[in-house]
Amino acid sequence: MSRPGIFITLEGIEGAGKTTQVRRIVEFMESQGFECIATREPGGTDIGAKIRAILLNSEHITLAPMAELLLYEADRAQHLARLVKPALETGKCVICDRFCDATTAYQGHARGLSLDFINGLHAQILEGLAPDLTLLFDLPAEIGLTRARARLDAQNSTGLEGRFEAEELAFHQKVRKGYLSLAKDAPGRFAIVDAEAPPDQVWDQTKDLLARFLAQRSAA
């Protein structure tokens, strides 16, 4: 009998350092015997990459909040159908940089779109699927935003993927507040990482949380 798949998602505001930890998480889970797939939203599929180019381009400042939301959900529907669900059904560990909680935090709590409407979309698209573990990399919005803007400058990619980094600090503070609210409402799924710490210390926290998660899963 094949081992059931595991779905791990990483969440956090801009500059929280999620992407830095993905490779280490993959290596750790593989060391525990899991075949892993690392992916992201938006952009985890070929079609999703084209949607990502629309969503994150800083030139698209006229993108309406509802259009933004529906593009994210279109990316997610494609991602689930073509990558996430097939991988989980074959027992793989899927590690995803952002998932539905990001939509609730960004488009719901920060943009002010109806949380009931967003939850209804998720009910249709997810069909009951939820992450087994969500790692929330949390830090003050002003620190994360400074990090994120410095990274874009260093990569010279501000125009290609800088639309959210161009938002005011208040927007990112709302995103963080939204994430913390989600974590409070689902403590069994969320684990909070202090992302203000240096990367190696962030990884130490993350590894401990993963080990605890696997131990609890094994015991269950």
Protein backbone atom coordinates (compact mmCIF):
# COMPACT_ATOMS: atom_id res chain seq x y z
CA MET A 1 0.00 0.00 0.00
CA SER A 2 1.46 3.36 -1.03
CA ARG A 3 2.10 6.04 1.55
CA PRO A 4 -0.48 8.87 1.40
CA GLY A 5 0.80 12.16 0.03
CA ILE A 6 1.67 15.12 2.22
CA PHE A 7 0.78 18.69 1.32
CA ILE A 8 2.94 21.40 2.93
CA THR A 9 2.42 25.07 2.17
CA LEU A 10 4.60 28.08 2.98
CA GLU A 11 3.00 31.45 3.66
CA GLY A 12 4.13 34.92 4.70
CA ILE A 13 4.39 38.52 3.64
CA GLU A 14 6.87 39.76 1.04
CA GLY A 15 10.45 39.32 2.23
CA ALA A 16 9.64 36.63 4.78
CA GLY A 17 12.23 34.27 3.29
CA LYS A 18 9.89 31.43 2.29
CA THR A 19 11.60 30.70 -0.99
CA THR A 20 15.00 30.46 0.72
CA GLN A 21 13.72 27.59 2.86
CA VAL A 22 12.01 25.54 0.13
CA ARG A 23 15.15 23.68 -0.97
CA ARG A 24 16.01 22.78 2.62
CA ILE A 25 12.49 21.53 3.27
CA VAL A 26 12.66 19.34 0.17
CA GLU A 27 16.00 17.90 1.28
CA PHE A 28 14.70 17.21 4.78
CA MET A 29 11.51 15.51 3.59
CA GLU A 30 13.47 13.43 1.10
CA SER A 31 15.75 12.34 3.94
CA GLN A 32 12.60 11.05 5.65
CA GLY A 33 11.77 8.88 2.66
CA PHE A 34 9.35 11.11 0.75
CA GLU A 35 9.46 11.83 -2.96
CA CYS A 36 8.99 15.59 -3.16
CA ILE A 37 7.72 18.12 -5.64
CA ALA A 38 8.41 21.83 -5.01
CA THR A 39 5.99 24.24 -6.64
CA ARG A 40 4.52 27.70 -6.17
CA GLU A 41 1.46 29.88 -6.65
CA PRO A 42 1.03 31.62 -8.89
CA GLY A 43 3.03 29.93 -11.63
CA GLY A 44 3.24 26.25 -10.79
CA THR A 45 2.19 25.16 -14.29
CA ASP A 46 2.95 26.38 -17.82
CA ILE A 47 -0.40 28.17 -17.97
CA GLY A 48 0.10 29.42 -14.43
CA ALA A 49 3.41 30.99 -15.41
CA LYS A 50 1.56 33.15 -17.92
CA ILE A 51 -0.97 34.15 -15.27
CA ARG A 52 1.89 34.96 -12.89
CA ALA A 53 3.40 37.31 -15.45
CA ILE A 54 0.15 39.28 -15.46
CA LEU A 55 -0.35 39.30 -11.69
CA LEU A 56 3.12 40.34 -10.57
CA ASN A 57 4.17 42.78 -13.30
CA SER A 58 4.42 46.25 -11.76
CA GLU A 59 3.17 47.82 -14.98
CA HIS A 60 -0.26 46.31 -14.37
CA ILE A 61 -1.29 48.90 -11.80
CA THR A 62 -4.82 49.13 -13.22
CA LEU A 63 -5.62 45.48 -12.48
CA ALA A 64 -8.90 45.54 -10.56
CA PRO A 65 -9.01 43.68 -7.23
CA MET A 66 -11.75 41.31 -8.44
CA ALA A 67 -9.83 40.56 -11.64
CA GLU A 68 -6.72 39.94 -9.52
CA LEU A 69 -8.64 37.53 -7.30
CA LEU A 70 -10.10 35.56 -10.20
CA LEU A 71 -6.72 35.28 -11.91
CA TYR A 72 -5.28 33.78 -8.73
CA GLU A 73 -8.15 31.32 -8.54
CA ALA A 74 -7.75 30.38 -12.22
CA ASP A 75 -4.06 29.69 -11.58
CA ARG A 76 -5.00 27.58 -8.56
CA ALA A 77 -7.62 25.54 -10.41
CA GLN A 78 -5.09 24.67 -13.11
CA HIS A 79 -2.37 23.98 -10.54
CA LEU A 80 -4.54 21.61 -8.54
CA ALA A 81 -5.81 19.74 -11.58
CA ARG A 82 -2.50 19.31 -13.37
CA LEU A 83 0.09 19.09 -10.58
CA VAL A 84 -0.96 19.11 -6.92
CA LYS A 85 -3.76 16.54 -6.85
CA PRO A 86 -2.05 14.03 -9.20
CA ALA A 87 1.13 14.22 -7.10
CA LEU A 88 -0.71 13.72 -3.81
CA GLU A 89 -2.69 10.81 -5.26
CA THR A 90 0.57 9.00 -6.04
CA GLY A 91 1.91 9.51 -2.50
CA LYS A 92 4.31 12.38 -3.16
CA CYS A 93 5.08 15.24 -0.80
CA VAL A 94 4.04 18.53 -2.39
CA ILE A 95 5.75 21.65 -1.01
CA CYS A 96 4.05 24.79 -2.27
CA ASP A 97 5.29 28.38 -1.91
CA ARG A 98 1.93 30.12 -1.23
CA PHE A 99 -1.53 28.64 -1.55
CA CYS A 100 -5.12 29.60 -0.74
CA ASP A 101 -4.25 31.34 2.54
CA ALA A 102 -2.31 33.92 0.54
CA THR A 103 -5.45 34.78 -1.41
CA THR A 104 -7.45 35.18 1.79
CA ALA A 105 -4.75 37.39 3.33
CA TYR A 106 -3.92 39.52 0.29
CA GLN A 107 -7.18 39.81 -1.62
CA GLY A 108 -9.47 39.42 1.39
CA HIS A 109 -7.88 41.07 4.41
CA ALA A 110 -5.71 43.57 2.53
CA ARG A 111 -7.76 44.35 -0.60
CA GLY A 112 -11.04 44.20 1.28
CA LEU A 113 -12.84 41.73 -0.96
CA SER A 114 -15.56 39.61 0.64
CA LEU A 115 -14.13 36.79 2.73
CA ASP A 116 -17.38 34.87 2.26
CA PHE A 117 -17.00 35.15 -1.51
CA ILE A 118 -13.35 34.04 -1.37
CA ASN A 119 -14.21 31.12 0.91
CA GLY A 120 -16.96 30.13 -1.52
CA LEU A 121 -14.49 30.09 -4.41
CA HIS A 122 -12.10 28.00 -2.38
CA ALA A 123 -14.87 25.53 -1.54
CA GLN A 124 -15.52 25.05 -5.26
CA ILE A 125 -11.88 24.88 -6.36
CA LEU A 126 -10.32 22.93 -3.49
CA GLU A 127 -13.12 20.37 -3.19
CA GLY A 128 -12.20 19.69 0.43
CA LEU A 129 -8.44 19.64 -0.06
CA ALA A 130 -6.45 21.44 2.64
CA PRO A 131 -2.73 21.54 3.43
CA ASP A 132 -1.56 19.06 6.04
CA LEU A 133 0.83 21.69 7.39
CA THR A 134 1.12 25.40 6.72
CA LEU A 135 4.36 27.09 7.77
CA LEU A 136 3.74 30.80 8.35
CA PHE A 137 6.99 32.78 8.15
CA ASP A 138 6.14 35.83 10.20
CA LEU A 139 7.98 39.12 10.69
CA PRO A 140 7.12 42.83 10.91
CA ALA A 141 5.87 44.19 7.61
CA GLU A 142 8.40 47.02 7.46
CA ILE A 143 11.30 44.56 7.71
CA GLY A 144 9.87 42.18 5.14
CA LEU A 145 9.10 44.95 2.68
CA THR A 146 12.61 46.40 2.98
CA ARG A 147 14.10 42.96 2.33
CA ALA A 148 11.81 42.31 -0.63
CA ARG A 149 12.53 45.63 -2.32
CA ALA A 150 16.28 45.16 -1.82
CA ARG A 151 16.07 41.69 -3.38
CA LEU A 152 14.23 43.02 -6.43
CA ASP A 153 16.78 45.80 -6.87
CA ALA A 154 19.62 43.30 -6.67
CA GLN A 155 17.96 41.05 -9.24
CA ASN A 156 17.02 44.01 -11.44
CA SER A 157 13.52 42.55 -11.71
CA THR A 158 11.41 45.30 -10.17
CA GLY A 159 9.30 45.68 -13.30
CA LEU A 160 8.77 41.98 -13.93
CA GLU A 161 7.64 40.96 -10.44
CA GLY A 162 7.37 44.05 -8.29
CA ARG A 163 3.68 44.90 -8.22
CA PHE A 164 3.07 43.90 -4.61
CA GLU A 165 6.40 45.29 -3.39
CA ALA A 166 5.20 48.65 -4.74
CA GLU A 167 2.23 48.64 -2.35
CA GLU A 168 2.28 50.91 0.69
CA LEU A 169 3.43 49.60 4.08
CA ALA A 170 -0.15 49.72 5.38
CA PHE A 171 -1.19 47.16 2.77
CA HIS A 172 1.48 44.70 3.93
CA GLN A 173 0.56 45.28 7.56
CA LYS A 174 -3.01 44.22 6.68
CA VAL A 175 -1.66 41.12 4.95
CA ARG A 176 0.33 40.17 8.03
CA LYS A 177 -2.66 40.74 10.28
CA GLY A 178 -4.73 38.55 7.97
CA TYR A 179 -2.21 35.74 8.11
CA LEU A 180 -2.03 35.85 11.90
CA SER A 181 -5.83 35.74 12.06
CA LEU A 182 -5.88 32.66 9.84
CA ALA A 183 -3.24 30.99 12.00
CA LYS A 184 -5.25 31.73 15.14
CA ASP A 185 -8.36 30.18 13.58
CA ALA A 186 -6.57 27.00 12.45
CA PRO A 187 -3.87 26.25 15.05
CA GLY A 188 -3.84 22.56 14.17
CA ARG A 189 -2.70 23.28 10.62
CA PHE A 190 -0.53 26.39 11.04
CA ALA A 191 2.94 26.54 12.57
CA ILE A 192 4.50 29.98 12.96
CA VAL A 193 8.19 30.57 12.25
CA ASP A 194 10.03 33.68 13.48
CA ALA A 195 11.25 34.89 10.09
CA GLU A 196 13.02 37.93 11.51
CA ALA A 197 15.87 35.64 12.59
CA PRO A 198 18.91 34.86 10.36
CA PRO A 199 18.23 32.19 7.67
CA ASP A 200 20.05 29.39 9.53
CA GLN A 201 18.03 30.05 12.67
CA VAL A 202 14.85 30.18 10.59
CA TRP A 203 15.78 26.79 9.19
CA ASP A 204 16.42 25.35 12.66
CA GLN A 205 12.90 26.40 13.67
CA THR A 206 11.45 25.03 10.45
CA LYS A 207 13.22 21.68 10.78
CA ASP A 208 11.99 21.28 14.35
CA LEU A 209 8.41 22.00 13.26
CA LEU A 210 8.67 19.51 10.39
CA ALA A 211 10.04 16.82 12.70
CA ARG A 212 7.24 17.45 15.18
CA PHE A 213 4.66 17.32 12.39
CA LEU A 214 5.98 13.98 11.09
CA ALA A 215 6.10 12.53 14.60
CA GLN A 216 2.49 13.51 15.23
CA ARG A 217 1.44 12.16 11.84
CA SER A 218 3.19 8.86 12.52
CA ALA A 219 1.57 8.57 15.94
CA ALA A 220 -1.87 9.20 14.44
